[in-house]
Amino acid sequence: MKVADTIRSKLTQAFSPQELEIIDESHLHAGHAGARDGGESHFRVTVVSDAFAGKSRMERQRAVYGVLADELKGPIHALSITARTPEEG
């Protein structure tokens, strides 16, 4: 399974997002530390979910990192997260 598919599956299961965008930015990091042949090492994700209501930005990011802990130990070298509620736009 592709790393992006795993990210999608895990975040969908954990947060039931109204919006989920996953962008593989690995090509921007080719030749840098942590870059892998074939990409799938650097991602930008946007998760819009009611699950983030009442949580700080740090709590939201920690929640996403927690769900993707196994991937962050392996194939994911860098992860940029935007996590917000539907009301936040």
Protein backbone atom coordinates (compact mmCIF):
# COMPACT_ATOMS: atom_id res chain seq x y z
CA MET A 1 0.00 0.00 0.00
CA LYS A 2 1.26 3.48 -0.80
CA VAL A 3 2.19 5.68 2.13
CA ALA A 4 -0.40 8.30 1.09
CA ASP A 5 -3.11 5.61 1.10
CA THR A 6 -2.10 4.55 4.61
CA ILE A 7 -2.20 8.17 5.77
CA ARG A 8 -5.68 8.59 4.24
CA SER A 9 -6.98 5.40 5.81
CA LYS A 10 -5.64 6.10 9.30
CA LEU A 11 -6.70 9.75 9.42
CA THR A 12 -10.15 8.91 8.08
CA GLN A 13 -10.63 6.21 10.69
CA ALA A 14 -9.36 8.40 13.54
CA PHE A 15 -11.02 11.73 12.74
CA SER A 16 -13.90 11.12 10.26
CA PRO A 17 -12.83 14.30 8.46
CA GLN A 18 -15.14 16.45 6.39
CA GLU A 19 -12.10 17.34 4.31
CA LEU A 20 -8.78 15.55 3.93
CA GLU A 21 -6.02 16.61 1.59
CA ILE A 22 -2.73 14.74 1.34
CA ILE A 23 0.06 16.16 -0.81
CA ASP A 24 3.31 14.29 -1.44
CA GLU A 25 6.00 16.97 -1.49
CA SER A 26 8.89 14.51 -1.66
CA HIS A 27 10.01 15.79 -5.06
CA LEU A 28 10.82 19.13 -3.41
CA HIS A 29 13.32 17.39 -1.12
CA ALA A 30 15.14 15.13 -3.59
CA GLY A 31 18.78 14.79 -2.57
CA HIS A 32 18.14 16.03 0.98
CA ALA A 33 18.34 14.04 4.19
CA GLY A 34 15.41 11.70 4.61
CA ALA A 35 14.44 11.73 0.93
CA ARG A 36 13.81 8.29 -0.52
CA ASP A 37 13.99 7.09 -4.08
CA GLY A 38 10.42 6.96 -5.33
CA GLY A 39 9.27 9.71 -2.97
CA GLU A 40 6.62 9.23 -0.31
CA SER A 41 8.80 10.65 2.45
CA HIS A 42 7.60 14.27 2.80
CA PHE A 43 3.90 15.08 3.12
CA ARG A 44 1.60 18.04 3.69
CA VAL A 45 -1.83 17.16 5.13
CA THR A 46 -4.92 19.22 5.78
CA VAL A 47 -7.52 17.64 8.04
CA VAL A 48 -10.85 19.32 8.71
CA SER A 49 -12.80 17.54 11.45
CA ASP A 50 -15.22 18.16 14.30
CA ALA A 51 -12.83 16.03 16.37
CA PHE A 52 -10.56 19.09 16.74
CA ALA A 53 -13.19 21.26 18.43
CA GLY A 54 -11.92 22.70 21.71
CA LYS A 55 -8.34 21.57 21.07
CA SER A 56 -5.31 23.82 20.70
CA ARG A 57 -3.17 23.77 17.59
CA MET A 58 -0.56 21.72 19.44
CA GLU A 59 -3.13 19.20 20.69
CA ARG A 60 -4.43 18.78 17.14
CA GLN A 61 -0.96 18.20 15.75
CA ARG A 62 -0.09 15.74 18.52
CA ALA A 63 -3.27 13.81 17.75
CA VAL A 64 -2.35 13.52 14.06
CA TYR A 65 1.25 12.57 14.91
CA GLY A 66 -0.07 9.93 17.30
CA VAL A 67 -2.25 8.33 14.64
CA LEU A 68 0.69 8.25 12.21
CA ALA A 69 3.35 7.23 14.76
CA ASP A 70 4.36 4.04 12.93
CA GLU A 71 4.73 5.82 9.61
CA LEU A 72 6.79 8.59 11.23
CA LYS A 73 9.22 5.92 12.49
CA GLY A 74 9.60 4.57 8.97
CA PRO A 75 8.74 5.96 5.57
CA ILE A 76 7.64 9.49 6.54
CA HIS A 77 10.57 11.81 7.13
CA ALA A 78 8.60 15.08 7.33
CA LEU A 79 4.95 15.89 7.89
CA SER A 80 3.36 19.33 7.70
CA ILE A 81 -0.08 19.46 9.34
CA THR A 82 -2.99 21.85 9.09
CA ALA A 83 -5.78 20.67 11.40
CA ARG A 84 -8.94 22.69 11.86
CA THR A 85 -12.66 22.41 12.50
CA PRO A 86 -15.25 22.96 9.75
CA GLU A 87 -16.22 26.26 11.41
CA GLU A 88 -12.66 27.53 11.05
CA GLY A 89 -12.98 27.33 7.28
